Amino acid sequence: MADITTSTTIIDNTHECVFAFQYQYVDGGNESAVAKIDVSSLAANANGEACTGIRIVECQWILHGMTVEVLADADTDIIVLHLAEDQQGYQTFEKFGGLPNSAEYGANGTGDIKFTTTGAGAAGDAYQVIIRAVKKILIEVGHGSVRNRSVSSRCRRDHCRSI
């Protein structure tokens, strides 16, 4: 019998997303860079522009018997959060707008989020992780340059179109 894993989309609107992830060890072992959030599959903004990355603004977790590394997908995946074994916790990064854009970590960042676990191997080993994030959109800002901006932000300069 395989390990039990679920990924649930709680909210996916034009400016933010919330996901819940559960894992329960049965007999399979650890996860290794398993895709959890595919930004290209998230809802577009009001102008129909696709999400290119996220800024994690909140994370809540409960872990038993294992650790979870939340990774930003890149040529070499980058650890964004390290959630320690047998811990429960809550972190908010909202005061400063969230963690950096997931697409800006490492070389050739895709914006996607992955999980890697260590220590799974006994009955009862499990995790529950909830992530709330603000979406980022790659937009043209004039003269052929591009900029990642939060979907909820508004630019009032003429050379930048509102999102």
Protein backbone atom coordinates (compact mmCIF):
# COMPACT_ATOMS: atom_id res chain seq x y z
CA MET A 1 0.00 0.00 0.00
CA ALA A 2 1.36 3.45 -0.91
CA ASP A 3 1.77 6.46 1.37
CA ILE A 4 -1.30 8.68 1.62
CA THR A 5 -0.86 12.19 0.21
CA THR A 6 -3.36 14.92 -0.57
CA SER A 7 -3.06 18.43 -1.95
CA THR A 8 -6.13 20.61 -1.53
CA THR A 9 -6.71 24.01 -3.10
CA ILE A 10 -8.61 26.07 -0.54
CA ILE A 11 -8.49 29.42 -2.38
CA ASP A 12 -7.32 30.29 -5.89
CA ASN A 13 -8.52 33.72 -6.92
CA THR A 14 -7.03 36.53 -8.99
CA HIS A 15 -4.61 37.71 -6.28
CA GLU A 16 -3.91 34.94 -3.77
CA CYS A 17 -3.91 31.20 -3.24
CA VAL A 18 -4.16 28.91 -0.20
CA PHE A 19 -3.22 25.23 -0.23
CA ALA A 20 -3.33 22.41 2.33
CA PHE A 21 -0.98 19.45 2.02
CA GLN A 22 -1.19 16.19 3.97
CA TYR A 23 1.09 13.16 4.03
CA GLN A 24 0.85 9.94 6.03
CA TYR A 25 3.54 7.28 5.92
CA VAL A 26 2.35 3.78 5.06
CA ASP A 27 5.31 2.01 3.44
CA GLY A 28 6.77 4.24 0.72
CA GLY A 29 9.30 6.49 2.41
CA ASN A 30 10.26 10.11 1.85
CA GLU A 31 9.14 12.57 -0.78
CA SER A 32 11.93 13.99 -2.95
CA ALA A 33 11.30 17.34 -4.67
CA VAL A 34 7.61 16.49 -5.21
CA ALA A 35 5.67 19.22 -7.04
CA LYS A 36 3.06 20.83 -4.77
CA ILE A 37 2.19 24.22 -6.34
CA ASP A 38 2.36 24.63 -10.13
CA VAL A 39 2.05 28.38 -10.66
CA SER A 40 1.15 27.97 -14.34
CA SER A 41 -2.04 26.16 -13.30
CA LEU A 42 -3.23 28.91 -10.94
CA ALA A 43 -6.07 31.27 -11.87
CA ALA A 44 -5.02 34.26 -13.98
CA ASN A 45 -5.49 37.86 -12.87
CA ALA A 46 -8.44 40.03 -13.96
CA ASN A 47 -6.62 40.87 -17.22
CA GLY A 48 -6.12 37.20 -18.06
CA GLU A 49 -2.37 37.28 -17.32
CA ALA A 50 -0.88 34.07 -15.94
CA CYS A 51 0.73 33.73 -12.54
CA THR A 52 4.54 33.39 -12.78
CA GLY A 53 5.45 33.02 -9.11
CA ILE A 54 4.20 33.40 -5.54
CA ARG A 55 5.26 35.14 -2.34
CA ILE A 56 4.51 32.95 0.67
CA VAL A 57 2.86 35.19 3.28
CA GLU A 58 1.78 32.55 5.81
CA CYS A 59 2.66 28.96 6.64
CA GLN A 60 1.16 26.72 9.31
CA TRP A 61 2.34 23.15 9.95
CA ILE A 62 2.15 20.06 12.13
CA LEU A 63 4.88 17.44 11.68
CA HIS A 64 5.34 14.07 13.33
CA GLY A 65 8.45 11.95 12.88
CA MET A 66 9.80 13.81 9.84
CA THR A 67 11.05 17.12 8.46
CA VAL A 68 9.69 18.99 5.46
CA GLU A 69 11.72 21.27 3.21
CA VAL A 70 9.62 23.68 1.15
CA LEU A 71 11.58 24.26 -2.06
CA ALA A 72 11.50 26.83 -4.85
CA ASP A 73 11.96 24.99 -8.15
CA ALA A 74 15.10 26.05 -10.06
CA ASP A 75 18.08 24.41 -11.77
CA THR A 76 19.14 23.58 -8.21
CA ASP A 77 16.10 23.72 -5.92
CA ILE A 78 16.37 26.29 -3.12
CA ILE A 79 15.10 25.69 0.43
CA VAL A 80 12.54 28.40 1.19
CA LEU A 81 11.35 26.99 4.53
CA HIS A 82 12.74 24.19 6.68
CA LEU A 83 10.06 22.72 8.95
CA ALA A 84 11.66 20.75 11.78
CA GLU A 85 10.76 17.22 12.93
CA ASP A 86 8.04 16.78 15.55
CA GLN A 87 7.12 20.46 15.50
CA GLN A 88 4.03 22.50 14.97
CA GLY A 89 4.14 26.15 14.12
CA TYR A 90 2.89 29.21 12.37
CA GLN A 91 4.87 31.89 10.55
CA THR A 92 3.56 35.05 8.98
CA PHE A 93 5.65 37.09 6.59
CA GLU A 94 2.81 39.48 5.78
CA LYS A 95 4.32 42.49 7.56
CA PHE A 96 6.94 42.80 4.82
CA GLY A 97 4.92 41.43 1.89
CA GLY A 98 5.91 37.79 2.14
CA LEU A 99 9.00 35.80 1.29
CA PRO A 100 10.73 36.66 -2.00
CA ASN A 101 9.02 35.67 -5.24
CA SER A 102 9.41 31.91 -5.76
CA ALA A 103 10.47 32.52 -9.38
CA GLU A 104 13.45 34.61 -8.24
CA TYR A 105 15.21 31.89 -6.21
CA GLY A 106 18.16 30.22 -7.91
CA ALA A 107 19.05 30.00 -11.59
CA ASN A 108 16.09 29.57 -13.96
CA GLY A 109 13.46 29.58 -11.21
CA THR A 110 10.07 28.38 -12.41
CA GLY A 111 7.99 29.79 -9.54
CA ASP A 112 6.75 26.30 -8.63
CA ILE A 113 6.90 24.94 -5.06
CA LYS A 114 8.09 21.42 -4.16
CA PHE A 115 8.45 19.44 -0.92
CA THR A 116 11.24 17.13 0.18
CA THR A 117 10.87 15.12 3.39
CA THR A 118 13.38 13.30 5.57
CA GLY A 119 12.80 10.85 8.39
CA ALA A 120 9.59 9.18 7.21
CA GLY A 121 9.65 5.48 7.93
CA ALA A 122 7.40 4.58 10.84
CA ALA A 123 3.67 4.28 11.36
CA GLY A 124 2.29 7.65 12.38
CA ASP A 125 4.89 9.73 10.54
CA ALA A 126 2.90 12.52 8.94
CA TYR A 127 2.67 16.17 8.04
CA GLN A 128 0.01 18.79 7.48
CA VAL A 129 1.17 22.05 5.90
CA ILE A 130 -0.97 25.04 4.91
CA ILE A 131 0.49 27.78 2.71
CA ARG A 132 -1.10 31.12 1.84
CA ALA A 133 0.59 33.11 -0.90
CA VAL A 134 0.20 36.27 -2.96
CA LYS A 135 0.47 35.73 -6.71
CA LYS A 136 3.09 37.42 -8.88
CA ILE A 137 2.61 38.32 -12.53
CA LEU A 138 5.37 39.06 -15.03
CA ILE A 139 4.41 42.29 -16.79
CA GLU A 140 6.01 44.55 -19.36
CA VAL A 141 7.00 47.93 -17.92
CA GLY A 142 8.24 49.64 -21.07
CA HIS A 143 11.31 49.54 -23.30
CA GLY A 144 11.13 45.73 -23.49
CA SER A 145 11.90 45.17 -19.80
CA VAL A 146 9.76 43.07 -17.50
CA ARG A 147 8.99 43.15 -13.81
CA ASN A 148 7.32 40.77 -11.40
CA ARG A 149 4.57 42.52 -9.47
CA SER A 150 2.05 41.39 -6.92
CA VAL A 151 -1.34 40.89 -8.49
CA SER A 152 -2.91 43.11 -5.88
CA SER A 153 -0.52 46.04 -6.39
CA ARG A 154 -1.41 49.03 -8.52
CA CYS A 155 1.10 51.11 -10.46
CA ARG A 156 0.09 54.68 -11.16
CA ARG A 157 2.89 55.52 -13.61
CA ASP A 158 2.00 55.91 -17.28
CA HIS A 159 4.53 53.35 -18.52
CA CYS A 160 3.12 50.57 -16.36
CA ARG A 161 -0.32 49.08 -16.93
CA SER A 162 -2.45 48.22 -13.95
CA ILE A 163 -3.02 44.65 -13.02
